[in-house]
Amino acid sequence: MSIGNSPEDERPFEDVSEEDRPSVSVGRALQQARIAAGLTVDDISTATRVRIAIVHAIEQDDFAPAAATCTRAGTSVRWPRP
């Protein structure tokens, strides 16, 4: 039995061909799920407390604005207090 990153667990990942990859991106899948649930971007923004512009960006597979927001939020939580 191995634990963690022992040599037994260091196997290369299988190469996934183009045919085996999902045809829908993450952002598109989230957008389709939102629409299927009958929700608006505003509904998602309110429920998740994520700004509307960031929800739109995520649905377009642009995760940079979301990453920057998460980094700022995480930093402010971890920031030393006097």
C-alpha atoms as a PDB file:
ATOM      1  CA  MET A   1       0.000   0.000   0.000  1.00  0.00           C
ATOM      2  CA  SER A   2       1.349   3.438  -0.874  1.00  0.00           C
ATOM      3  CA  ILE A   3       0.583   6.814   0.565  1.00  0.00           C
ATOM      4  CA  GLY A   4       0.922  10.188  -1.113  1.00  0.00           C
ATOM      5  CA  ASN A   5       3.512  10.679  -3.828  1.00  0.00           C
ATOM      6  CA  SER A   6       5.417   7.429  -3.495  1.00  0.00           C
ATOM      7  CA  PRO A   7       7.056   6.127  -6.693  1.00  0.00           C
ATOM      8  CA  GLU A   8       4.182   3.664  -7.186  1.00  0.00           C
ATOM      9  CA  ASP A   9       1.798   6.592  -7.713  1.00  0.00           C
ATOM     10  CA  GLU A  10       3.979   8.479 -10.175  1.00  0.00           C
ATOM     11  CA  ARG A  11       2.457   7.062 -13.310  1.00  0.00           C
ATOM     12  CA  PRO A  12       2.228   9.199 -16.441  1.00  0.00           C
ATOM     13  CA  PHE A  13      -1.191  10.428 -17.422  1.00  0.00           C
ATOM     14  CA  GLU A  14      -2.782   8.835 -20.429  1.00  0.00           C
ATOM     15  CA  ASP A  15      -2.769  11.040 -23.496  1.00  0.00           C
ATOM     16  CA  VAL A  16      -6.337  12.008 -24.279  1.00  0.00           C
ATOM     17  CA  SER A  17      -7.087  12.323 -27.966  1.00  0.00           C
ATOM     18  CA  GLU A  18      -9.160  15.136 -29.417  1.00  0.00           C
ATOM     19  CA  GLU A  19     -12.022  12.695 -30.001  1.00  0.00           C
ATOM     20  CA  ASP A  20     -12.189  11.778 -26.305  1.00  0.00           C
ATOM     21  CA  ARG A  21     -12.238  15.371 -25.058  1.00  0.00           C
ATOM     22  CA  PRO A  22     -15.558  16.964 -24.170  1.00  0.00           C
ATOM     23  CA  SER A  23     -16.988  19.065 -26.983  1.00  0.00           C
ATOM     24  CA  VAL A  24     -18.419  21.651 -24.564  1.00  0.00           C
ATOM     25  CA  SER A  25     -16.169  23.988 -22.610  1.00  0.00           C
ATOM     26  CA  VAL A  26     -16.548  24.581 -18.876  1.00  0.00           C
ATOM     27  CA  GLY A  27     -17.974  28.053 -19.396  1.00  0.00           C
ATOM     28  CA  ARG A  28     -20.429  26.846 -22.001  1.00  0.00           C
ATOM     29  CA  ALA A  29     -21.518  23.956 -19.757  1.00  0.00           C
ATOM     30  CA  LEU A  30     -22.152  26.378 -16.884  1.00  0.00           C
ATOM     31  CA  GLN A  31     -24.107  28.683 -19.171  1.00  0.00           C
ATOM     32  CA  GLN A  32     -26.218  25.785 -20.476  1.00  0.00           C
ATOM     33  CA  ALA A  33     -26.913  24.596 -16.923  1.00  0.00           C
ATOM     34  CA  ARG A  34     -27.945  28.114 -15.870  1.00  0.00           C
ATOM     35  CA  ILE A  35     -30.296  28.457 -18.820  1.00  0.00           C
ATOM     36  CA  ALA A  36     -31.731  24.948 -18.294  1.00  0.00           C
ATOM     37  CA  ALA A  37     -32.481  25.894 -14.677  1.00  0.00           C
ATOM     38  CA  GLY A  38     -34.301  29.017 -15.859  1.00  0.00           C
ATOM     39  CA  LEU A  39     -31.867  31.355 -14.114  1.00  0.00           C
ATOM     40  CA  THR A  40     -30.483  34.681 -15.248  1.00  0.00           C
ATOM     41  CA  VAL A  41     -26.916  35.904 -14.856  1.00  0.00           C
ATOM     42  CA  ASP A  42     -28.277  38.275 -12.205  1.00  0.00           C
ATOM     43  CA  ASP A  43     -29.777  35.308 -10.310  1.00  0.00           C
ATOM     44  CA  ILE A  44     -26.378  33.557 -10.346  1.00  0.00           C
ATOM     45  CA  SER A  45     -24.591  36.743  -9.323  1.00  0.00           C
ATOM     46  CA  THR A  46     -26.919  37.260  -6.361  1.00  0.00           C
ATOM     47  CA  ALA A  47     -26.814  33.627  -5.220  1.00  0.00           C
ATOM     48  CA  THR A  48     -23.027  33.310  -5.476  1.00  0.00           C
ATOM     49  CA  ARG A  49     -22.073  36.906  -4.621  1.00  0.00           C
ATOM     50  CA  VAL A  50     -19.986  37.009  -7.796  1.00  0.00           C
ATOM     51  CA  ARG A  51     -20.183  40.183  -9.854  1.00  0.00           C
ATOM     52  CA  ILE A  52     -22.231  40.006 -13.066  1.00  0.00           C
ATOM     53  CA  ALA A  53     -19.194  40.850 -15.218  1.00  0.00           C
ATOM     54  CA  ILE A  54     -17.309  37.902 -13.742  1.00  0.00           C
ATOM     55  CA  VAL A  55     -20.218  35.510 -14.340  1.00  0.00           C
ATOM     56  CA  HIS A  56     -20.278  36.643 -17.984  1.00  0.00           C
ATOM     57  CA  ALA A  57     -16.492  36.194 -18.231  1.00  0.00           C
ATOM     58  CA  ILE A  58     -16.652  32.665 -16.780  1.00  0.00           C
ATOM     59  CA  GLU A  59     -19.381  31.714 -19.242  1.00  0.00           C
ATOM     60  CA  GLN A  60     -17.022  32.881 -22.017  1.00  0.00           C
ATOM     61  CA  ASP A  61     -14.202  30.727 -20.565  1.00  0.00           C
ATOM     62  CA  ASP A  62     -12.294  33.798 -19.394  1.00  0.00           C
ATOM     63  CA  PHE A  63     -11.279  32.865 -15.863  1.00  0.00           C
ATOM     64  CA  ALA A  64      -8.727  35.650 -15.323  1.00  0.00           C
ATOM     65  CA  PRO A  65     -11.202  38.089 -13.708  1.00  0.00           C
ATOM     66  CA  ALA A  66     -12.460  35.348 -11.386  1.00  0.00           C
ATOM     67  CA  ALA A  67      -8.943  34.314 -10.414  1.00  0.00           C
ATOM     68  CA  ALA A  68      -7.983  37.890  -9.610  1.00  0.00           C
ATOM     69  CA  THR A  69     -11.081  38.324  -7.426  1.00  0.00           C
ATOM     70  CA  CYS A  70     -10.430  35.060  -5.563  1.00  0.00           C
ATOM     71  CA  THR A  71      -6.808  35.996  -4.996  1.00  0.00           C
ATOM     72  CA  ARG A  72      -7.749  39.401  -3.602  1.00  0.00           C
ATOM     73  CA  ALA A  73     -10.427  37.906  -1.358  1.00  0.00           C
ATOM     74  CA  GLY A  74      -8.125  35.192  -0.076  1.00  0.00           C
ATOM     75  CA  THR A  75      -5.355  37.684   0.581  1.00  0.00           C
ATOM     76  CA  SER A  76      -7.633  39.991   2.531  1.00  0.00           C
ATOM     77  CA  VAL A  77      -8.777  37.084   4.711  1.00  0.00           C
ATOM     78  CA  ARG A  78      -5.202  35.914   5.381  1.00  0.00           C
ATOM     79  CA  TRP A  79      -3.789  39.425   5.806  1.00  0.00           C
ATOM     80  CA  PRO A  80      -2.304  39.907   9.284  1.00  0.00           C
ATOM     81  CA  ARG A  81      -4.401  41.985  11.585  1.00  0.00           C
ATOM     82  CA  PRO A  82      -2.826  44.505  14.023  1.00  0.00           C
END
